[in-house]
N, C-alpha and C. Protein backbone atom coordinates (compact mmCIF):
# COMPACT_ATOMS: atom_id res chain seq x y z
N MET A 1 6.69 -8.23 2.35
CA MET A 1 6.89 -6.93 3.25
C MET A 1 7.92 -7.11 4.34
N ALA A 2 8.90 -6.03 4.46
CA ALA A 2 9.70 -6.33 5.32
C ALA A 2 8.98 -5.70 6.89
N ASN A 3 9.84 -6.38 7.89
CA ASN A 3 9.35 -6.03 9.09
C ASN A 3 9.75 -4.80 9.49
N ARG A 4 8.72 -3.90 9.99
CA ARG A 4 8.56 -2.61 10.08
C ARG A 4 8.36 -2.48 11.63
N THR A 5 9.09 -3.08 12.53
CA THR A 5 8.64 -3.14 13.93
C THR A 5 8.91 -1.86 14.41
N SER A 6 7.96 -1.57 15.41
CA SER A 6 8.07 -0.02 16.05
C SER A 6 8.68 -0.24 17.28
N THR A 7 9.30 0.83 17.63
CA THR A 7 10.11 0.77 19.04
C THR A 7 9.01 1.28 20.14
N GLN A 8 7.79 1.67 19.68
CA GLN A 8 6.80 1.82 21.02
C GLN A 8 5.98 0.49 20.78
N ASN A 9 4.94 0.48 22.02
CA ASN A 9 4.08 -0.56 22.19
C ASN A 9 2.87 -0.01 21.66
N LEU A 10 1.83 -0.67 21.26
CA LEU A 10 0.54 -0.54 20.89
C LEU A 10 -0.10 0.63 21.56
N ARG A 11 -0.11 0.66 22.88
CA ARG A 11 -0.76 1.33 23.77
C ARG A 11 -0.13 2.99 23.65
N LYS A 12 1.16 3.11 23.58
CA LYS A 12 1.64 4.36 23.42
C LYS A 12 1.33 4.77 22.00
N ARG A 13 1.43 4.18 20.82
CA ARG A 13 1.04 4.42 19.53
C ARG A 13 -0.25 4.82 19.38
N VAL A 14 -1.36 4.28 19.89
CA VAL A 14 -2.65 4.53 19.89
C VAL A 14 -3.04 5.87 20.61
N ARG A 15 -2.26 5.94 21.83
CA ARG A 15 -2.42 7.35 22.74
C ARG A 15 -1.72 8.44 22.06
N TYR A 16 -0.90 8.13 21.02
CA TYR A 16 -0.29 9.57 20.27
C TYR A 16 -1.42 9.78 19.40
N HIS A 17 -1.62 9.02 18.47
CA HIS A 17 -3.05 9.47 17.54
C HIS A 17 -3.88 9.97 18.25
N TYR A 18 -4.45 9.75 19.50
CA TYR A 18 -5.44 10.66 20.02
C TYR A 18 -4.95 11.80 20.87
N ARG A 19 -4.12 11.84 21.32
CA ARG A 19 -3.71 13.01 22.09
C ARG A 19 -2.28 13.80 21.69
N GLY A 20 -1.59 13.21 20.53
CA GLY A 20 -0.36 13.88 20.02
C GLY A 20 -0.71 14.97 19.23
N ASN A 21 0.13 14.96 17.97
CA ASN A 21 -0.23 16.38 16.99
C ASN A 21 0.24 15.63 15.75
N ALA A 22 -0.14 16.59 14.63
CA ALA A 22 0.03 16.15 13.33
C ALA A 22 1.51 15.92 12.87
N VAL A 23 2.30 16.36 13.66
CA VAL A 23 3.76 16.14 13.40
C VAL A 23 4.03 14.39 13.36
N GLY A 24 3.70 13.93 14.28
CA GLY A 24 3.93 12.35 14.57
C GLY A 24 2.68 11.59 14.15
N SER A 25 1.80 12.05 13.68
CA SER A 25 0.71 11.17 13.53
C SER A 25 0.28 11.55 12.31
N THR A 26 0.27 10.58 11.10
CA THR A 26 -0.23 10.80 9.74
C THR A 26 -2.04 10.69 9.96
N LEU A 27 -2.47 9.93 11.07
CA LEU A 27 -3.88 9.66 11.06
C LEU A 27 -4.46 11.27 11.30
N ARG A 28 -3.49 11.91 12.44
CA ARG A 28 -4.09 13.21 12.88
C ARG A 28 -4.01 13.98 11.78
N LEU A 29 -3.03 14.20 10.88
CA LEU A 29 -2.63 14.89 9.65
C LEU A 29 -3.86 14.80 8.79
N THR A 30 -4.23 13.61 8.43
CA THR A 30 -5.08 13.18 7.42
C THR A 30 -6.45 13.70 7.95
N LEU A 31 -6.90 13.46 9.31
CA LEU A 31 -8.33 13.90 9.89
C LEU A 31 -8.28 15.24 10.02
N GLY A 32 -7.45 15.85 10.46
CA GLY A 32 -7.22 17.38 10.61
C GLY A 32 -7.72 18.02 9.20
N CYS A 33 -7.06 17.55 7.98
CA CYS A 33 -7.14 18.01 6.56
C CYS A 33 -8.51 17.82 6.25
N LEU A 34 -9.17 16.78 6.46
CA LEU A 34 -10.24 16.75 6.19
C LEU A 34 -11.45 17.38 6.98
N LEU A 35 -11.04 17.55 8.08
CA LEU A 35 -11.91 18.63 8.76
C LEU A 35 -11.75 19.89 8.65
N GLY A 36 -10.92 20.42 7.79
CA GLY A 36 -10.67 21.67 7.38
C GLY A 36 -9.80 22.53 8.42
N LEU A 37 -9.21 22.01 9.36
CA LEU A 37 -8.36 22.64 10.39
C LEU A 37 -7.04 23.38 9.66
N ASP A 38 -6.46 24.44 9.87
CA ASP A 38 -5.49 25.11 9.37
C ASP A 38 -4.13 24.41 9.94
N LEU A 39 -3.46 23.65 9.06
CA LEU A 39 -1.99 23.15 9.44
C LEU A 39 -0.92 24.30 9.24
N ARG A 40 -0.31 24.49 10.36
CA ARG A 40 0.56 25.54 10.64
C ARG A 40 2.03 25.09 10.76
N ARG A 41 2.93 26.02 10.49
CA ARG A 41 4.49 25.52 10.96
C ARG A 41 4.72 26.30 12.28
N VAL A 42 5.16 25.35 13.09
CA VAL A 42 5.56 25.72 14.47
C VAL A 42 7.15 25.56 14.95
N GLY A 43 7.50 26.00 16.12
CA GLY A 43 8.75 25.91 16.24
C GLY A 43 9.89 26.49 15.26
N SER A 44 11.03 25.55 14.90
CA SER A 44 12.04 26.32 13.89
C SER A 44 11.09 26.50 12.46
N GLY A 45 9.95 26.05 12.24
CA GLY A 45 9.27 26.31 11.09
C GLY A 45 9.11 25.06 10.24
N LYS A 46 9.96 23.83 10.37
CA LYS A 46 9.98 22.67 9.76
C LYS A 46 8.88 21.79 9.91
N ARG A 47 8.24 21.80 11.32
CA ARG A 47 7.40 21.05 12.06
C ARG A 47 5.93 21.55 11.53
N MET A 48 5.35 20.80 11.25
CA MET A 48 3.59 21.45 10.99
C MET A 48 2.61 20.62 12.09
N THR A 49 1.76 21.51 12.60
CA THR A 49 0.57 20.89 13.65
C THR A 49 -0.53 21.87 13.16
N PHE A 50 -1.53 21.55 13.87
CA PHE A 50 -2.66 22.33 13.62
C PHE A 50 -2.93 23.40 14.65
N GLY A 51 -1.83 23.78 15.18
CA GLY A 51 -1.58 24.32 16.57
C GLY A 51 -2.45 23.98 17.89
N LYS A 52 -2.26 24.56 18.71
CA LYS A 52 -2.93 24.22 20.12
C LYS A 52 -4.18 24.20 19.86
N ALA A 53 -5.07 25.07 19.56
CA ALA A 53 -6.26 25.07 19.37
C ALA A 53 -6.99 24.02 18.63
N GLY A 54 -6.27 23.80 17.27
CA GLY A 54 -6.83 22.74 16.13
C GLY A 54 -6.38 21.45 16.71
N GLU A 55 -5.28 21.15 17.27
CA GLU A 55 -4.91 19.98 17.75
C GLU A 55 -6.02 19.58 18.85
N THR A 56 -6.52 20.59 19.68
CA THR A 56 -7.31 20.25 20.86
C THR A 56 -9.04 20.03 20.12
N THR A 57 -9.15 20.66 19.33
CA THR A 57 -10.27 20.38 18.35
C THR A 57 -10.60 19.05 17.81
N LEU A 58 -9.22 18.73 17.15
CA LEU A 58 -9.23 17.37 16.48
C LEU A 58 -8.99 16.12 17.69
N SER A 59 -8.35 16.50 18.83
CA SER A 59 -8.43 15.56 19.96
C SER A 59 -9.91 15.29 20.35
N GLN A 60 -10.81 16.36 20.65
CA GLN A 60 -12.20 16.32 20.84
C GLN A 60 -13.07 15.56 19.74
N TRP A 61 -12.87 15.78 18.79
CA TRP A 61 -13.70 15.24 17.60
C TRP A 61 -13.22 13.78 17.55
N MET A 62 -11.86 13.25 17.77
CA MET A 62 -11.62 12.06 17.89
C MET A 62 -12.13 11.25 18.99
N ALA A 63 -12.31 11.78 20.39
CA ALA A 63 -12.60 11.23 21.24
C ALA A 63 -14.31 10.67 21.15
N SER A 64 -15.21 11.76 20.20
CA SER A 64 -16.21 11.49 20.00
C SER A 64 -16.66 10.58 18.83
N ASN A 65 -15.51 10.54 17.90
CA ASN A 65 -15.87 9.98 16.89
C ASN A 65 -15.10 8.72 16.23
N ALA A 66 -13.93 8.59 16.88
CA ALA A 66 -13.06 7.68 16.36
C ALA A 66 -13.11 6.68 17.25
N ARG A 67 -12.75 5.11 16.94
CA ARG A 67 -12.66 4.07 17.79
C ARG A 67 -11.34 3.26 17.33
N VAL A 68 -11.03 2.46 18.34
CA VAL A 68 -9.86 1.67 17.94
C VAL A 68 -10.21 0.44 18.36
N CYS A 69 -9.74 -0.65 17.94
CA CYS A 69 -9.73 -2.17 18.16
C CYS A 69 -8.63 -2.87 17.67
N TRP A 70 -8.32 -4.20 18.11
CA TRP A 70 -7.24 -4.96 17.57
C TRP A 70 -7.21 -6.23 17.91
N ILE A 71 -6.17 -6.94 17.39
CA ILE A 71 -6.05 -8.24 17.57
C ILE A 71 -4.55 -8.67 17.66
N GLU A 72 -4.09 -9.83 18.41
CA GLU A 72 -2.80 -9.92 18.37
C GLU A 72 -2.20 -10.82 17.04
N GLN A 73 -1.34 -10.16 16.35
CA GLN A 73 -0.84 -11.07 15.26
C GLN A 73 0.68 -11.12 15.43
N ASN A 74 1.30 -12.30 15.03
CA ASN A 74 2.69 -12.34 15.24
C ASN A 74 3.50 -11.73 14.11
N GLU A 75 2.99 -11.43 13.06
CA GLU A 75 3.65 -10.49 11.80
C GLU A 75 2.44 -9.64 11.34
N PRO A 76 2.17 -8.46 12.28
CA PRO A 76 1.15 -7.72 11.62
C PRO A 76 1.29 -7.29 10.37
N TRP A 77 2.61 -6.94 9.87
CA TRP A 77 2.76 -6.27 8.71
C TRP A 77 2.06 -7.12 7.34
N ASP A 78 2.08 -8.51 7.61
CA ASP A 78 1.42 -9.28 6.64
C ASP A 78 -0.27 -9.10 6.84
N LEU A 79 -0.70 -9.06 7.85
CA LEU A 79 -2.15 -8.56 7.91
C LEU A 79 -2.57 -7.31 7.47
N GLU A 80 -1.63 -6.31 7.77
CA GLU A 80 -1.72 -5.04 7.38
C GLU A 80 -2.10 -4.92 5.66
N SER A 81 -1.08 -5.59 5.19
CA SER A 81 -0.90 -5.78 3.66
C SER A 81 -2.26 -6.25 2.88
N GLN A 82 -2.67 -7.42 3.64
CA GLN A 82 -3.85 -8.16 3.47
C GLN A 82 -4.99 -7.44 3.32
N LEU A 83 -5.15 -6.60 4.73
CA LEU A 83 -6.68 -5.76 4.86
C LEU A 83 -6.41 -4.66 3.72
N ILE A 84 -5.29 -4.07 3.60
CA ILE A 84 -5.35 -2.94 2.94
C ILE A 84 -5.69 -3.13 1.22
N SER A 85 -5.33 -4.41 0.82
CA SER A 85 -5.62 -4.97 -0.56
C SER A 85 -7.11 -5.53 -0.60
N GLN A 86 -7.57 -5.81 0.60
CA GLN A 86 -8.80 -6.53 0.54
C GLN A 86 -10.18 -5.71 1.04
N LEU A 87 -10.01 -4.54 1.67
CA LEU A 87 -10.86 -3.70 2.39
C LEU A 87 -10.86 -2.22 1.59
N ASP A 88 -11.99 -1.41 1.73
CA ASP A 88 -11.82 0.02 1.41
C ASP A 88 -11.51 0.77 2.34
N LEU A 89 -10.30 1.25 2.54
CA LEU A 89 -9.75 1.97 3.69
C LEU A 89 -9.10 3.35 3.15
N PRO A 90 -10.23 4.35 2.75
CA PRO A 90 -9.78 5.43 1.99
C PRO A 90 -8.68 6.40 3.03
N LEU A 91 -8.52 6.25 4.33
CA LEU A 91 -7.65 7.11 4.73
C LEU A 91 -6.29 6.38 5.02
N ASN A 92 -6.06 5.25 4.50
CA ASN A 92 -4.87 4.68 4.49
C ASN A 92 -4.31 4.99 3.16
N LEU A 93 -2.94 5.81 3.39
CA LEU A 93 -2.33 6.13 2.04
C LEU A 93 -1.17 4.89 1.63
N ASP A 94 -0.53 4.58 2.66
CA ASP A 94 0.48 3.46 2.51
C ASP A 94 -0.09 2.21 1.74
N GLN A 95 0.47 1.73 0.83
CA GLN A 95 0.11 0.61 0.05
C GLN A 95 -1.37 0.52 -0.57
N ASN A 96 -1.93 1.61 -0.75
CA ASN A 96 -3.31 1.72 -0.89
C ASN A 96 -3.54 2.79 -2.24
N ARG A 97 -2.63 2.73 -3.46
CA ARG A 97 -2.81 3.56 -4.25
C ARG A 97 -4.13 3.27 -5.24
N ARG A 98 -4.69 2.08 -5.22
CA ARG A 98 -5.90 1.56 -6.02
C ARG A 98 -7.07 2.23 -5.42
N ASN A 99 -6.88 2.85 -4.12
CA ASN A 99 -8.13 3.36 -3.62
C ASN A 99 -8.71 4.61 -4.29
N ALA A 100 -9.97 4.80 -4.66
CA ALA A 100 -10.25 5.95 -5.59
C ALA A 100 -10.04 7.26 -4.66
N PHE A 101 -10.12 7.34 -3.41
CA PHE A 101 -9.75 8.38 -2.75
C PHE A 101 -8.29 8.99 -2.61
N HIS A 102 -7.36 7.88 -2.88
CA HIS A 102 -5.95 8.03 -2.61
C HIS A 102 -5.38 9.16 -3.43
N SER A 103 -5.57 9.69 -4.46
CA SER A 103 -5.03 10.71 -4.97
C SER A 103 -5.89 12.09 -4.44
N ARG A 104 -6.96 11.97 -3.99
CA ARG A 104 -7.58 13.30 -3.54
C ARG A 104 -7.02 13.49 -2.05
N LEU A 105 -6.81 12.61 -1.20
CA LEU A 105 -6.43 12.70 0.22
C LEU A 105 -4.83 13.37 -0.06
N LYS A 106 -4.16 12.60 -0.86
CA LYS A 106 -2.77 13.10 -1.03
C LYS A 106 -2.91 14.74 -1.49
N GLU A 107 -3.69 14.95 -2.38
CA GLU A 107 -3.65 16.39 -2.80
C GLU A 107 -4.28 17.20 -1.67
N LEU A 108 -5.20 16.76 -0.86
CA LEU A 108 -5.67 17.71 0.22
C LEU A 108 -4.46 17.83 1.12
N ARG A 109 -3.73 16.89 1.74
CA ARG A 109 -2.65 17.09 2.44
C ARG A 109 -1.49 17.94 1.84
N ALA A 110 -1.28 17.69 0.70
CA ALA A 110 -0.24 18.53 -0.15
C ALA A 110 -0.73 20.07 0.08
N GLN A 111 -2.00 20.41 -0.33
CA GLN A 111 -2.60 21.68 -0.24
C GLN A 111 -2.49 22.36 1.08
N ALA A 112 -2.51 21.32 2.33
CA ALA A 112 -2.36 21.91 3.51
C ALA A 112 -1.22 22.46 4.03
N ARG A 113 -0.15 21.61 3.63
CA ARG A 113 1.39 21.72 3.68
C ARG A 113 1.80 23.11 2.90
N GLU A 114 1.48 23.00 1.66
CA GLU A 114 1.71 24.27 0.91
C GLU A 114 1.24 25.67 1.64
N ARG A 115 -0.19 25.54 2.14
CA ARG A 115 -0.73 26.67 2.65
C ARG A 115 -0.10 27.13 3.98
N ALA A 116 0.30 26.15 4.79
CA ALA A 116 1.18 26.51 5.91
C ALA A 116 2.46 27.05 5.76
N ARG A 117 3.23 26.59 4.64
CA ARG A 117 4.35 27.08 4.09
C ARG A 117 4.20 28.46 3.99
N GLU A 118 3.26 29.09 3.46
CA GLU A 118 3.14 30.43 3.10
C GLU A 118 2.62 31.32 4.41
N LEU A 119 2.33 30.75 5.49
CA LEU A 119 1.92 31.40 6.64
C LEU A 119 3.21 31.46 7.50
N PRO A 120 3.08 32.75 8.23
CA PRO A 120 4.37 32.68 9.33
C PRO A 120 4.30 31.57 10.34
N VAL A 121 5.37 31.27 11.01
CA VAL A 121 5.54 30.46 11.78
C VAL A 121 4.73 30.74 13.18
N SER A 122 3.96 29.73 13.82
CA SER A 122 3.38 29.92 14.92
C SER A 122 4.12 29.72 16.19
N SER A 123 3.72 30.48 17.10
CA SER A 123 4.67 30.04 18.42
C SER A 123 4.03 28.82 19.24
């Protein structure tokens, strides 16, 4: 696997998952879809989030239910591939097509995007 080095440090990346929005966090997109939040087009209409209320609800849910831990690793992309191949990680789509939930999760996210495209752009 190629080195996919992020330009952000781990703290910024984790903080964005907890406080950002579905545009920049596939974790937030996945959790919001699973929780039944309404994805909406915002701004120019190309970006999609759960809106202010939905993103707040999601942040509160994550504060109560989601935990993060990490270990230092010189080549984390190698460890990521190993973990995905060895563990049952149903919310991870990347490198995880063998997971039984993969196609259902992709479909849920696609349906949410399609519904959002049918709705007017939110302010």
